[in-house]
Each structure stands twice: as C-alpha cells, then as structure tokens.
Protein backbone atom coordinates (compact mmCIF):
# COMPACT_ATOMS: atom_id res chain seq x y z
CA UNK A 1 -203.44 -84.39 -124.73
CA UNK A 2 -200.81 -82.35 -122.89
CA UNK A 3 -199.54 -83.34 -119.47
CA UNK A 4 -200.81 -80.09 -117.95
CA UNK A 5 -204.31 -80.73 -119.29
CA UNK A 6 -204.31 -84.27 -117.87
CA UNK A 7 -203.20 -82.86 -114.52
CA UNK A 8 -206.04 -80.33 -114.54
CA UNK A 9 -208.60 -83.04 -115.34
CA UNK A 10 -207.35 -85.19 -112.47
CA UNK A 11 -207.84 -82.30 -110.08
CA UNK A 12 -211.61 -82.38 -110.65
CA UNK A 13 -213.39 -85.08 -108.70
CA UNK A 14 -217.02 -85.78 -107.99
CA UNK A 15 -217.29 -87.38 -104.57
CA UNK A 16 -220.22 -87.64 -102.15
CA UNK A 17 -220.72 -84.98 -99.50
CA UNK A 18 -219.53 -87.23 -96.69
CA UNK A 19 -216.24 -88.16 -98.41
CA UNK A 20 -213.07 -87.74 -96.33
CA UNK A 21 -210.48 -88.61 -98.95
CA UNK A 22 -207.31 -86.43 -99.00
CA UNK A 23 -208.62 -84.34 -101.93
CA UNK A 24 -211.86 -83.52 -100.10
CA UNK A 25 -209.99 -82.83 -96.89
CA UNK A 26 -207.64 -80.52 -98.76
CA UNK A 27 -210.60 -78.40 -99.86
CA UNK A 28 -211.77 -78.14 -96.25
CA UNK A 29 -208.41 -77.75 -94.57
CA UNK A 30 -205.01 -77.95 -96.27
CA UNK A 31 -203.36 -78.67 -92.92
CA UNK A 32 -205.77 -81.50 -92.18
CA UNK A 33 -205.19 -83.14 -95.55
CA UNK A 34 -201.43 -82.85 -95.46
CA UNK A 35 -201.26 -84.40 -92.00
CA UNK A 36 -203.60 -87.20 -93.05
CA UNK A 37 -201.29 -87.99 -95.95
CA UNK A 38 -198.21 -87.95 -93.71
CA UNK A 39 -199.83 -90.36 -91.28
CA UNK A 40 -200.79 -92.83 -93.97
CA UNK A 41 -198.90 -96.14 -93.77
CA UNK A 42 -195.97 -96.22 -96.16
CA UNK A 43 -196.16 -92.53 -96.92
CA UNK A 44 -192.59 -92.05 -95.72
CA UNK A 45 -193.44 -88.72 -94.10
CA UNK A 46 -193.80 -89.76 -90.47
CA UNK A 47 -190.92 -87.53 -89.40
CA UNK A 48 -192.37 -84.34 -90.87
CA UNK A 49 -193.41 -81.69 -88.32
CA UNK A 50 -196.96 -81.74 -86.98
CA UNK A 51 -199.34 -78.86 -87.72
CA UNK A 52 -198.89 -75.77 -85.57
CA UNK A 53 -202.31 -76.14 -83.98
CA UNK A 54 -201.27 -79.50 -82.47
CA UNK A 55 -198.34 -77.92 -80.66
CA UNK A 56 -200.64 -77.25 -77.69
CA UNK A 57 -200.64 -80.98 -76.91
CA UNK A 58 -197.65 -81.50 -74.62
CA UNK A 59 -195.34 -84.47 -74.87
CA UNK A 60 -195.48 -86.29 -71.56
CA UNK A 61 -192.28 -87.38 -69.83
CA UNK A 62 -192.28 -91.17 -69.67
CA UNK A 63 -191.13 -91.59 -66.07
CA UNK A 64 -192.51 -94.10 -63.64
CA UNK A 65 -194.67 -96.72 -65.31
CA UNK A 66 -197.79 -96.56 -67.41
CA UNK A 67 -201.13 -98.01 -66.40
CA UNK A 68 -200.22 -101.13 -68.24
CA UNK A 69 -197.47 -102.23 -70.57
CA UNK A 70 -197.24 -100.04 -73.61
CA UNK A 71 -195.19 -99.63 -76.73
CA UNK A 72 -193.24 -96.35 -77.14
CA UNK A 73 -195.50 -93.42 -77.99
CA UNK A 74 -195.38 -91.77 -81.42
CA UNK A 75 -197.34 -88.94 -82.99
CA UNK A 76 -198.70 -91.05 -85.82
CA UNK A 77 -200.12 -94.28 -84.41
CA UNK A 78 -202.80 -95.60 -86.76
CA UNK A 79 -202.63 -99.10 -85.32
CA UNK A 80 -202.57 -99.93 -81.62
CA UNK A 81 -200.35 -102.77 -80.46
CA UNK A 82 -200.91 -104.96 -77.43
CA UNK A 83 -198.47 -104.85 -74.54
CA UNK A 84 -195.60 -107.29 -74.28
CA UNK A 85 -193.55 -105.91 -71.38
CA UNK A 86 -193.49 -107.09 -67.71
CA UNK A 87 -196.47 -107.07 -65.37
CA UNK A 88 -197.61 -103.85 -63.74
CA UNK A 89 -199.06 -103.57 -60.23
CA UNK A 90 -201.63 -100.92 -61.09
CA UNK A 91 -202.70 -98.08 -63.33
CA UNK A 92 -205.55 -95.83 -64.39
CA UNK A 93 -208.90 -97.60 -64.43
CA UNK A 94 -210.85 -94.59 -65.74
CA UNK A 95 -209.67 -91.40 -67.38
CA UNK A 96 -212.12 -88.58 -68.08
CA UNK A 97 -210.91 -85.53 -70.03
CA UNK A 98 -212.68 -82.25 -70.61
CA UNK A 99 -211.49 -80.20 -73.60
CA UNK A 100 -211.67 -76.55 -74.58
CA UNK A 101 -210.83 -75.64 -78.15
CA UNK A 102 -212.12 -74.91 -81.65
CA UNK A 103 -213.23 -76.88 -84.69
CA UNK A 104 -212.11 -75.49 -88.03
CA UNK A 105 -214.89 -73.23 -89.27
CA UNK A 106 -215.09 -74.57 -92.84
CA UNK A 107 -215.10 -78.12 -91.55
CA UNK A 108 -217.57 -77.62 -88.70
CA UNK A 109 -220.84 -77.47 -90.67
CA UNK A 110 -219.97 -80.60 -92.65
CA UNK A 111 -219.08 -82.43 -89.44
CA UNK A 112 -222.38 -81.39 -87.80
CA UNK A 113 -224.33 -82.71 -90.79
CA UNK A 114 -222.50 -86.04 -90.72
CA UNK A 115 -223.02 -86.50 -86.99
CA UNK A 116 -226.71 -85.60 -87.24
CA UNK A 117 -227.38 -88.13 -90.00
CA UNK A 118 -225.43 -90.86 -88.24
CA UNK A 119 -227.24 -90.14 -84.97
CA UNK A 120 -230.63 -90.47 -86.70
CA UNK A 121 -229.51 -93.79 -88.19
CA UNK A 122 -228.39 -94.98 -84.77
CA UNK A 123 -231.77 -94.07 -83.28
CA UNK A 124 -233.36 -96.28 -85.97
CA UNK A 125 -230.98 -99.18 -85.19
CA UNK A 126 -229.35 -98.68 -88.58
CA UNK A 127 -225.83 -99.61 -87.50
CA UNK A 128 -224.25 -99.38 -90.95
CA UNK A 129 -225.25 -95.75 -91.43
CA UNK A 130 -224.42 -94.85 -87.84
CA UNK A 131 -220.75 -95.30 -88.75
CA UNK A 132 -218.81 -92.29 -90.02
CA UNK A 133 -215.48 -92.70 -91.81
CA UNK A 134 -213.26 -89.75 -90.95
CA UNK A 135 -210.06 -91.01 -92.59
CA UNK A 136 -208.78 -94.28 -94.03
CA UNK A 137 -207.65 -95.23 -90.53
CA UNK A 138 -210.43 -93.77 -88.36
CA UNK A 139 -214.07 -94.86 -88.38
CA UNK A 140 -216.38 -93.84 -85.54
CA UNK A 141 -219.74 -95.15 -84.30
CA UNK A 142 -222.22 -92.38 -83.47
CA UNK A 143 -224.57 -93.19 -80.57
CA UNK A 144 -228.35 -92.53 -80.44
CA UNK A 145 -228.08 -89.80 -77.79
CA UNK A 146 -225.50 -87.15 -77.09
CA UNK A 147 -226.34 -86.50 -73.46
CA UNK A 148 -225.53 -88.75 -70.56
CA UNK A 149 -223.49 -88.96 -67.39
CA UNK A 150 -220.49 -86.72 -67.95
CA UNK A 151 -221.94 -85.44 -71.24
CA UNK A 152 -224.65 -83.07 -70.05
CA UNK A 153 -223.47 -80.31 -72.40
CA UNK A 154 -223.01 -82.56 -75.46
CA UNK A 155 -225.24 -83.04 -78.51
CA UNK A 156 -223.45 -86.04 -80.05
CA UNK A 157 -221.55 -89.02 -78.71
CA UNK A 158 -219.40 -91.45 -80.62
CA UNK A 159 -217.17 -94.42 -79.86
CA UNK A 160 -213.73 -95.12 -81.24
CA UNK A 161 -211.72 -98.15 -80.09
CA UNK A 162 -213.37 -98.22 -76.69
CA UNK A 163 -213.04 -94.46 -76.12
CA UNK A 164 -216.26 -92.43 -75.87
CA UNK A 165 -216.29 -88.85 -77.15
CA UNK A 166 -218.97 -86.25 -76.48
CA UNK A 167 -219.24 -83.25 -78.81
CA UNK A 168 -221.10 -80.07 -77.88
CA UNK A 169 -222.95 -78.11 -80.55
CA UNK A 170 -220.51 -75.20 -80.48
CA UNK A 171 -217.71 -74.59 -82.92
CA UNK A 172 -215.45 -72.91 -80.36
CA UNK A 173 -215.05 -72.64 -76.60
CA UNK A 174 -214.35 -68.93 -76.95
CA UNK A 175 -217.26 -66.86 -75.60
CA UNK A 176 -215.71 -63.44 -76.13
CA UNK A 177 -215.15 -63.14 -72.38
CA UNK A 178 -211.56 -64.09 -71.43
CA UNK A 179 -212.80 -65.28 -68.03
CA UNK A 180 -215.37 -67.71 -69.49
CA UNK A 181 -214.53 -70.67 -71.73
CA UNK A 182 -217.07 -73.41 -72.45
CA UNK A 183 -216.11 -77.06 -72.85
CA UNK A 184 -217.03 -78.42 -76.26
CA UNK A 185 -215.47 -81.90 -76.22
CA UNK A 186 -215.54 -84.60 -73.53
CA UNK A 187 -213.60 -87.87 -73.52
CA UNK A 188 -214.04 -90.96 -71.36
CA UNK A 189 -211.51 -93.79 -71.46
CA UNK A 190 -212.45 -96.90 -69.50
CA UNK A 191 -210.44 -99.77 -68.05
CA UNK A 192 -210.13 -102.06 -71.07
CA UNK A 193 -208.43 -99.59 -73.46
CA UNK A 194 -206.26 -98.32 -70.62
CA UNK A 195 -205.16 -101.82 -69.70
CA UNK A 196 -204.58 -102.89 -73.29
CA UNK A 197 -202.66 -99.87 -74.56
CA UNK A 198 -201.85 -97.57 -71.65
CA UNK A 199 -202.68 -93.91 -71.12
CA UNK A 200 -199.67 -92.47 -72.97
CA UNK A 201 -200.39 -94.43 -76.14
CA UNK A 202 -204.08 -93.50 -75.97
CA UNK A 203 -203.23 -89.86 -75.39
CA UNK A 204 -201.15 -90.00 -78.55
CA UNK A 205 -204.11 -91.60 -80.34
CA UNK A 206 -206.23 -88.59 -79.34
CA UNK A 207 -203.97 -86.45 -81.50
CA UNK A 208 -205.08 -88.40 -84.55
CA UNK A 209 -208.76 -88.07 -83.58
CA UNK A 210 -208.41 -84.31 -83.07
CA UNK A 211 -206.72 -84.10 -86.44
CA UNK A 212 -209.51 -86.04 -88.17
CA UNK A 213 -212.18 -83.89 -86.48
CA UNK A 214 -210.37 -80.66 -87.37
CA UNK A 215 -210.23 -79.86 -83.67
CA UNK A 216 -207.58 -77.66 -82.07
CA UNK A 217 -207.61 -78.06 -78.26
CA UNK A 218 -206.53 -75.10 -76.17
CA UNK A 219 -206.66 -77.13 -72.93
CA UNK A 220 -207.23 -80.77 -71.98
CA UNK A 221 -208.25 -81.08 -68.33
CA UNK A 222 -208.74 -84.30 -66.33
CA UNK A 223 -212.35 -84.39 -65.11
CA UNK A 224 -212.20 -87.78 -63.40
CA UNK A 225 -209.30 -90.12 -62.67
CA UNK A 226 -209.51 -93.60 -61.14
CA UNK A 227 -206.23 -94.89 -59.69
CA UNK A 228 -206.03 -98.58 -58.89
CA UNK A 229 -203.73 -101.43 -57.86
CA UNK A 230 -204.38 -105.18 -57.95
CA UNK A 231 -203.23 -107.45 -55.13
CA UNK A 232 -203.25 -111.11 -56.16
CA UNK A 233 -203.44 -113.76 -53.40
CA UNK A 234 -204.96 -111.14 -51.09
CA UNK A 235 -208.64 -111.57 -50.21
CA UNK A 236 -211.00 -108.64 -49.77
CA UNK A 237 -212.07 -110.29 -46.52
CA UNK A 238 -208.81 -109.09 -44.94
CA UNK A 239 -209.76 -105.48 -45.65
CA UNK A 240 -213.31 -105.99 -44.40
CA UNK A 241 -212.05 -107.44 -41.11
CA UNK A 242 -209.76 -104.44 -40.61
CA UNK A 243 -212.57 -101.95 -41.31
CA UNK A 244 -215.03 -103.80 -39.07
CA UNK A 245 -212.40 -103.66 -36.31
CA UNK A 246 -212.07 -99.87 -36.75
CA UNK A 247 -208.42 -100.34 -37.72
CA UNK A 248 -208.36 -97.44 -40.15
CA UNK A 249 -208.03 -93.67 -40.46
CA UNK A 250 -210.16 -91.90 -43.06
CA UNK A 251 -211.06 -88.37 -44.07
CA UNK A 252 -214.62 -89.47 -44.71
CA UNK A 253 -216.99 -91.05 -42.20
CA UNK A 254 -219.28 -92.54 -44.83
CA UNK A 255 -218.52 -96.20 -45.54
CA UNK A 256 -220.44 -99.27 -46.61
CA UNK A 257 -219.73 -102.97 -47.07
CA UNK A 258 -221.63 -104.66 -49.90
CA UNK A 259 -222.14 -108.40 -49.51
CA UNK A 260 -223.37 -111.26 -51.69
CA UNK A 261 -224.66 -114.34 -49.89
CA UNK A 262 -223.05 -112.95 -46.71
CA UNK A 263 -219.67 -112.86 -48.45
CA UNK A 264 -218.08 -109.38 -48.59
CA UNK A 265 -217.73 -108.06 -52.13
CA UNK A 266 -216.98 -104.34 -51.92
CA UNK A 267 -215.98 -101.71 -49.38
CA UNK A 268 -216.86 -98.13 -50.29
CA UNK A 269 -215.67 -94.93 -48.62
CA UNK A 270 -217.03 -91.52 -49.58
CA UNK A 271 -220.47 -90.06 -50.19
CA UNK A 272 -222.17 -90.26 -53.56
CA UNK A 273 -221.26 -86.73 -54.64
CA UNK A 274 -217.81 -86.63 -53.03
CA UNK A 275 -214.86 -85.48 -55.13
CA UNK A 276 -212.71 -88.31 -53.71
CA UNK A 277 -213.86 -91.90 -53.11
CA UNK A 278 -212.33 -95.28 -52.31
CA UNK A 279 -213.47 -98.73 -53.44
CA UNK A 280 -211.93 -102.03 -52.33
CA UNK A 281 -213.48 -105.07 -53.97
CA UNK A 282 -213.11 -108.68 -55.08
CA UNK A 283 -211.79 -108.44 -58.65
CA UNK A 284 -212.26 -112.15 -59.39
CA UNK A 285 -215.97 -111.88 -58.60
CA UNK A 286 -216.29 -108.66 -60.61
CA UNK A 287 -214.77 -110.25 -63.74
CA UNK A 288 -216.34 -113.71 -63.59
CA UNK A 289 -218.79 -112.78 -66.38
CA UNK A 290 -216.31 -110.63 -68.32
CA UNK A 291 -213.83 -112.96 -69.95
CA UNK A 292 -211.91 -110.30 -71.91
CA UNK A 293 -211.22 -108.23 -68.80
CA UNK A 294 -210.27 -111.36 -66.85
CA UNK A 295 -207.73 -112.42 -69.48
CA UNK A 296 -206.23 -108.94 -69.61
CA UNK A 297 -205.79 -108.98 -65.84
CA UNK A 298 -204.12 -112.37 -66.02
CA UNK A 299 -201.78 -111.13 -68.75
CA UNK A 300 -201.02 -107.62 -67.49
CA UNK A 301 -201.59 -107.55 -63.72
CA UNK A 302 -201.98 -110.92 -61.98
CA UNK A 303 -199.54 -112.99 -64.03
CA UNK A 304 -201.57 -116.14 -63.36
CA UNK A 305 -205.10 -117.44 -62.83
CA UNK A 306 -205.64 -116.58 -59.16
CA UNK A 307 -207.00 -119.01 -56.59
CA UNK A 308 -210.52 -117.90 -55.61
CA UNK A 309 -209.84 -118.95 -52.01
CA UNK A 310 -206.79 -116.70 -51.80
CA UNK A 311 -208.51 -113.96 -53.79
CA UNK A 312 -207.45 -110.99 -55.89
CA UNK A 313 -208.36 -107.57 -54.52
CA UNK A 314 -208.66 -104.25 -56.36
CA UNK A 315 -207.98 -101.03 -54.40
CA UNK A 316 -209.29 -98.08 -56.38
CA UNK A 317 -209.45 -94.33 -55.71
CA UNK A 318 -211.75 -92.06 -57.70
CA UNK A 319 -210.73 -88.39 -57.84
CA UNK A 320 -212.77 -85.73 -59.65
CA UNK A 321 -211.96 -82.37 -61.17
CA UNK A 322 -212.66 -80.21 -58.11
CA UNK A 323 -210.21 -82.14 -55.94
CA UNK A 324 -207.63 -82.61 -58.71
CA UNK A 325 -207.39 -78.89 -59.39
CA UNK A 326 -208.05 -77.18 -56.07
CA UNK A 327 -206.42 -79.68 -53.73
CA UNK A 328 -203.61 -81.15 -55.80
CA UNK A 329 -202.83 -78.51 -58.45
CA UNK A 330 -203.53 -80.90 -61.35
CA UNK A 331 -204.93 -78.87 -64.23
CA UNK A 332 -203.99 -80.86 -67.32
CA UNK A 333 -202.80 -84.28 -68.46
CA UNK A 334 -199.14 -83.29 -68.13
CA UNK A 335 -199.72 -82.31 -64.48
CA UNK A 336 -201.45 -85.63 -63.88
CA UNK A 337 -198.52 -87.64 -65.20
CA UNK A 338 -195.96 -85.57 -63.30
CA UNK A 339 -197.80 -85.48 -59.97
CA UNK A 340 -199.44 -88.90 -59.86
CA UNK A 341 -196.89 -90.14 -57.31
CA UNK A 342 -197.68 -87.24 -54.96
CA UNK A 343 -201.38 -87.84 -55.49
CA UNK A 344 -201.13 -91.54 -54.70
CA UNK A 345 -199.20 -90.74 -51.51
CA UNK A 346 -201.93 -88.35 -50.41
CA UNK A 347 -204.62 -90.95 -51.11
CA UNK A 348 -202.77 -93.78 -49.32
CA UNK A 349 -201.55 -91.84 -46.29
CA UNK A 350 -203.90 -88.93 -45.68
CA UNK A 351 -207.23 -89.76 -47.30
CA UNK A 352 -207.32 -93.36 -46.08
CA UNK A 353 -205.04 -95.92 -44.47
CA UNK A 354 -205.42 -99.16 -42.54
CA UNK A 355 -203.73 -99.21 -39.12
CA UNK A 356 -202.23 -101.90 -36.91
CA UNK A 357 -204.92 -101.46 -34.26
CA UNK A 358 -208.14 -99.53 -33.61
CA UNK A 359 -207.31 -95.82 -33.45
CA UNK A 360 -208.73 -93.09 -31.23
CA UNK A 361 -210.33 -90.58 -33.66
CA UNK A 362 -208.77 -87.74 -31.65
CA UNK A 363 -205.27 -89.23 -31.87
CA UNK A 364 -205.02 -90.74 -35.33
CA UNK A 365 -201.26 -90.20 -35.40
CA UNK A 366 -200.80 -93.04 -32.90
CA UNK A 367 -201.78 -95.77 -35.32
CA UNK A 368 -199.02 -97.07 -37.55
CA UNK A 369 -199.74 -98.30 -41.07
CA UNK A 370 -200.72 -101.98 -41.12
CA UNK A 371 -198.69 -104.56 -43.10
CA UNK A 372 -201.75 -105.15 -45.30
CA UNK A 373 -201.96 -101.48 -46.27
CA UNK A 374 -198.20 -101.38 -46.83
CA UNK A 375 -198.84 -103.82 -49.70
CA UNK A 376 -201.16 -101.24 -51.24
CA UNK A 377 -198.63 -98.43 -50.80
CA UNK A 378 -195.84 -100.55 -52.32
CA UNK A 379 -198.06 -101.44 -55.30
CA UNK A 380 -198.87 -97.78 -55.98
CA UNK A 381 -195.20 -96.81 -55.66
CA UNK A 382 -194.19 -99.56 -58.09
CA UNK A 383 -196.63 -98.18 -60.67
CA UNK A 384 -196.29 -94.41 -60.23
CA UNK A 385 -192.51 -94.44 -59.95
CA UNK A 386 -190.42 -91.78 -58.21
CA UNK A 387 -191.80 -88.33 -57.62
CA UNK A 388 -191.15 -86.31 -60.77
CA UNK A 389 -192.20 -82.88 -59.61
CA UNK A 390 -193.06 -81.34 -56.26
CA UNK A 391 -196.62 -80.18 -55.84
CA UNK A 392 -197.21 -76.48 -56.39
CA UNK A 393 -198.98 -76.39 -53.04
CA UNK A 394 -195.74 -77.14 -51.20
CA UNK A 395 -194.16 -73.97 -52.53
CA UNK A 396 -197.12 -71.93 -51.26
CA UNK A 397 -196.91 -73.55 -47.84
CA UNK A 398 -193.21 -72.69 -47.68
CA UNK A 399 -194.06 -69.25 -46.29
CA UNK A 400 -195.99 -70.58 -43.29
CA UNK A 401 -192.95 -71.09 -41.04
CA UNK A 402 -191.76 -67.57 -41.78
CA UNK A 403 -195.21 -66.24 -40.95
CA UNK A 404 -195.30 -68.15 -37.65
CA UNK A 405 -191.87 -66.81 -36.68
CA UNK A 406 -192.95 -63.26 -37.52
CA UNK A 407 -196.04 -63.71 -35.34
CA UNK A 408 -193.82 -64.90 -32.48
CA UNK A 409 -191.45 -61.96 -32.94
CA UNK A 410 -194.37 -59.55 -32.80
CA UNK A 411 -195.63 -61.13 -29.57
CA UNK A 412 -192.16 -61.00 -27.99
CA UNK A 413 -191.72 -57.33 -28.92
CA UNK A 414 -195.06 -56.45 -27.34
CA UNK A 415 -194.27 -58.45 -24.18
CA UNK A 416 -190.89 -56.73 -23.72
CA UNK A 417 -192.44 -53.32 -24.34
CA UNK A 418 -195.16 -53.96 -21.73
CA UNK A 419 -192.47 -55.03 -19.21
CA UNK A 420 -190.37 -51.94 -19.95
CA UNK A 421 -187.43 -54.02 -21.17
CA UNK A 422 -185.51 -51.99 -23.78
CA UNK A 423 -182.55 -54.06 -25.03
CA UNK A 424 -179.85 -52.24 -27.02
CA UNK A 425 -177.90 -55.19 -28.48
CA UNK A 426 -178.72 -58.67 -29.86
CA UNK A 427 -177.12 -60.19 -26.76
CA UNK A 428 -179.52 -58.24 -24.52
CA UNK A 429 -182.47 -59.38 -26.71
CA UNK A 430 -181.42 -63.03 -26.30
CA UNK A 431 -181.03 -62.55 -22.53
CA UNK A 432 -184.51 -61.06 -22.13
CA UNK A 433 -186.12 -63.74 -24.36
CA UNK A 434 -184.38 -66.45 -22.34
CA UNK A 435 -185.88 -65.06 -19.14
CA UNK A 436 -189.35 -64.99 -20.73
CA UNK A 437 -189.19 -68.54 -22.14
CA UNK A 438 -187.27 -70.31 -19.37
CA UNK A 439 -190.31 -71.83 -17.67
CA UNK A 440 -191.62 -73.11 -21.03
CA UNK A 441 -188.50 -75.00 -22.13
CA UNK A 442 -189.42 -78.37 -20.61
CA UNK A 443 -193.02 -78.38 -21.99
CA UNK A 444 -191.62 -77.41 -25.41
CA UNK A 445 -189.16 -80.33 -25.34
CA UNK A 446 -192.10 -82.69 -24.75
CA UNK A 447 -194.58 -81.08 -27.14
CA UNK A 448 -192.45 -80.44 -30.25
CA UNK A 449 -191.98 -84.18 -31.09
CA UNK A 450 -195.75 -84.72 -30.68
CA UNK A 451 -196.55 -81.86 -33.04
CA UNK A 452 -194.03 -83.24 -35.53
CA UNK A 453 -195.77 -86.65 -35.50
CA UNK A 454 -199.14 -85.03 -36.10
CA UNK A 455 -197.77 -83.15 -39.10
CA UNK A 456 -196.22 -86.33 -40.50
CA UNK A 457 -199.49 -88.25 -40.06
CA UNK A 458 -201.94 -85.58 -41.21
CA UNK A 459 -200.03 -83.13 -43.40
CA UNK A 460 -196.76 -84.70 -44.63
CA UNK A 461 -196.67 -82.38 -47.64
CA UNK A 462 -196.37 -79.43 -45.26
CA UNK A 463 -193.01 -80.67 -43.99
CA UNK A 464 -190.26 -78.34 -45.18
CA UNK A 465 -186.71 -79.32 -46.04
CA UNK A 466 -183.81 -77.29 -44.69
CA UNK A 467 -183.06 -74.20 -46.72
CA UNK A 468 -186.58 -74.08 -48.20
CA UNK A 469 -187.26 -70.73 -46.50
CA UNK A 470 -185.32 -68.25 -44.43
CA UNK A 471 -187.11 -69.54 -41.35
CA UNK A 472 -186.16 -73.15 -42.06
C-alpha cells in the first residue's frame, strides 16, 4: 500500500459527537485545533504566535504585587503551580468579570448540545456525565442550573478549578445596534483560587478556557471586585471600639456590628444594594471550619498560626461595576491592574477612615487618620505598589481651576464696568483690582489654608500639580 494511501486512511476517523481531540477540533475550527496542539505539553511550540482573535486580551503590566504569590504568567499554562514567594499583605478576595464576545459559529451548536446534556445529567445527580472534556488539559463540571446571583442572563454554569463560568444562550454579543452589546459570558473567581495562584495567572488561564470554548472576547469588564488586607495580631475589637466611639469618617451612614455570644465578629458599612461596601471581620473565626482556607492564609498572608487572643482581622472593600466605571474610570481588567493603587487610596481615605478622635460630621477634615487605620493603609500600599497610571478623572478635573479663574475674571470685568473704571494698561488693571480686593486680603489669608485642608481630606484627587493647567 502506498504511503499516500495510508495517509488518506489515517485522515478518516470515527469518533463520538462529543469528542474534542485535535482532529475533531480541526474540523470545527482550524485555529482552535492548532492552538490546542501548540499548548500540549512537550509539543515544542509554546513560542508560536497566538491566534489573532486572542489579541484582544491585553498583557497586564506586572507592577506592584499580585493578590498572592504567583509564578510568572505565560500564555500556555495547562498546570497551575502553588506560590513560593514571600508573604503578601493583601489581594483580591473576589473577582467578577463580565464578557462580551462571540463563539465560533460552527462550534456553537455542538457546545450547546454538550452543555445541555451535561446539565441534564447534573440535575439527575449523575456526576460522571455532568463532566465535559474540552481538551486533554481542560475538563469542566456543568451545574444543574444556569441562573443564579450574578448569572441572571445565563443558561448554563460550569466550574473549572474553582472558577465559575456562566454562559448565555447567545452565540454573539452583537445585536446589530452598535450602541447595544449583550453580555454572553460571566466569570466569578473566589478567594481560594485567587490566593493560591493570583489574579494574573488566573487571567492567563482564562485564555486557555476561551480557546477551548471557541470564544473570542471583545471586552472583559470587572463587574465586582473585593479588595482586602489581613492584619495579624490585630483584633477586630479594636475597630469596633473605634466605630462605637464615633472615631471614623464615612461616605455612608449605614453600619452594623454583628456579634456572636456578645463578641464582635463583623463590622459592615454600606447598604445592601450599594455599589461600594466595607467589611471588617475576625478572619480566624471565619476560617475555623475551613481548614484549606486557614492553611492558605498561614502560608500566604499571616506567616504563622495567629494567637486567637491577639486576633487576625480582615479589612475588605467590595466595589461593583457602576462605581468602578463611573467613579473610577475602570472599564476592563487592564484598567483595574493599573489603577488599583488609586482605587485603594480612595477607599482608605475618602470612602472610609478611622480617626484619632470623634469627628464633627460638619468638619470631618479636622480628624487625623488613626494609627490603627494607618496599618490598613500601609498594608494596601504594600500590596498595590506604586501608582502606575493617573486616573482619567484627574485629567478632566484639570480644567476646573481655569474655569474658576475665568468666572472670577468675568465678575471683575463687570464690577469695573459698573464702577466706570476703564483701565488702559495691565498696570492700571492691577491697580483697580487691588483697590477692589484690599479689604478681602486678610480673610483670604485665613480661609485659603482651610479650603486646602478640606480638599485634601475630601477630594485629594482634585489637587493639581504645578504646570497641569494654564491656571495652575
């Protein structure tokens, strides 16, 4: 038999409908199959370029520190490795992502069929058939229901290595209207995967999942982000005492202290539907029945088994999509990584802070930051690292000083016109303005430092550096 005939015979294969071997994948999507082969261990093709439709996933600058201690990120990462670098003070405790994009058309119907059958098996407690093998490296567990909190628009849900995915029953986010794009994939990453592998490594792992699903994302937007730091040998009781003594400044009036046998467990700030919330709680108590989480905290955050009398406190901010986008200019994962230092400063200085003494609500600028809260600020700074990029909002605010000066100029021109003062040279203008303002000089000398303190306490991001605008 000739070699060409043997080759033709090998090209014919009879595999089941749900097979995801490279040959079957090649029939569905040549790009999907070729990438699967490159990612295979020992294939020797790890340095080949990724498919064009993955170019929309940005590479994130690795500045600051990750949520926990991670290995360097790579595009192909079939196996996740535990962390072995120094302790971190904090990180992401929850990362929700909302995706817009398209599934490959030829692959979509086959994927729908697989997810439907696995979902039916899951509803019948048939665990074996609820598993779907996408590639040699990726096997997912399909859940009984697709809907749920954060997945209202989804038909299927599946788990992969602690990450939960929600898939909507729509092949593409494109509606035909350029102003309307529907989400068709949701992702929720909880504390354990984030602490074990870090957000950058997990974000890289998402590339492999998208590849296996035949999914091309056009945008990946954070829908919920939980920032946290852990303070070992610091008891939550210290925070409760400060709050009970009104030694705090907050942008929300709603707060609650949850107790167990009269012992404080958790402090909560923010209403149920608020886009920004704060939780301060006893992490030892929270993990006493969760050994895996406890050991990860010992290894990655605490560095020891903490003394229950001294305590270990978690300070955690929850920020949702509305606040991330409209208030902080964070639209995608790249923005989140670049602006997380600015965001943590807003949360620790403007949204909430503990003060040295009880503060008059009408004069919140008078209360300095307490030493206890300085520990929180230092822990966030140690994790987020130096500011990588200024917030977009600061550039927009840069015109405010110029606008205020123009308003003042307009008022001065009207005042001089009403008085019949018609200066002909700049020196005459200065002379007339000096006469007008002379009686206000002393009050201005007293008031300007006060206004500056208010801006620093309430709106530090509005402070402009010299040369930022013509007015500055």
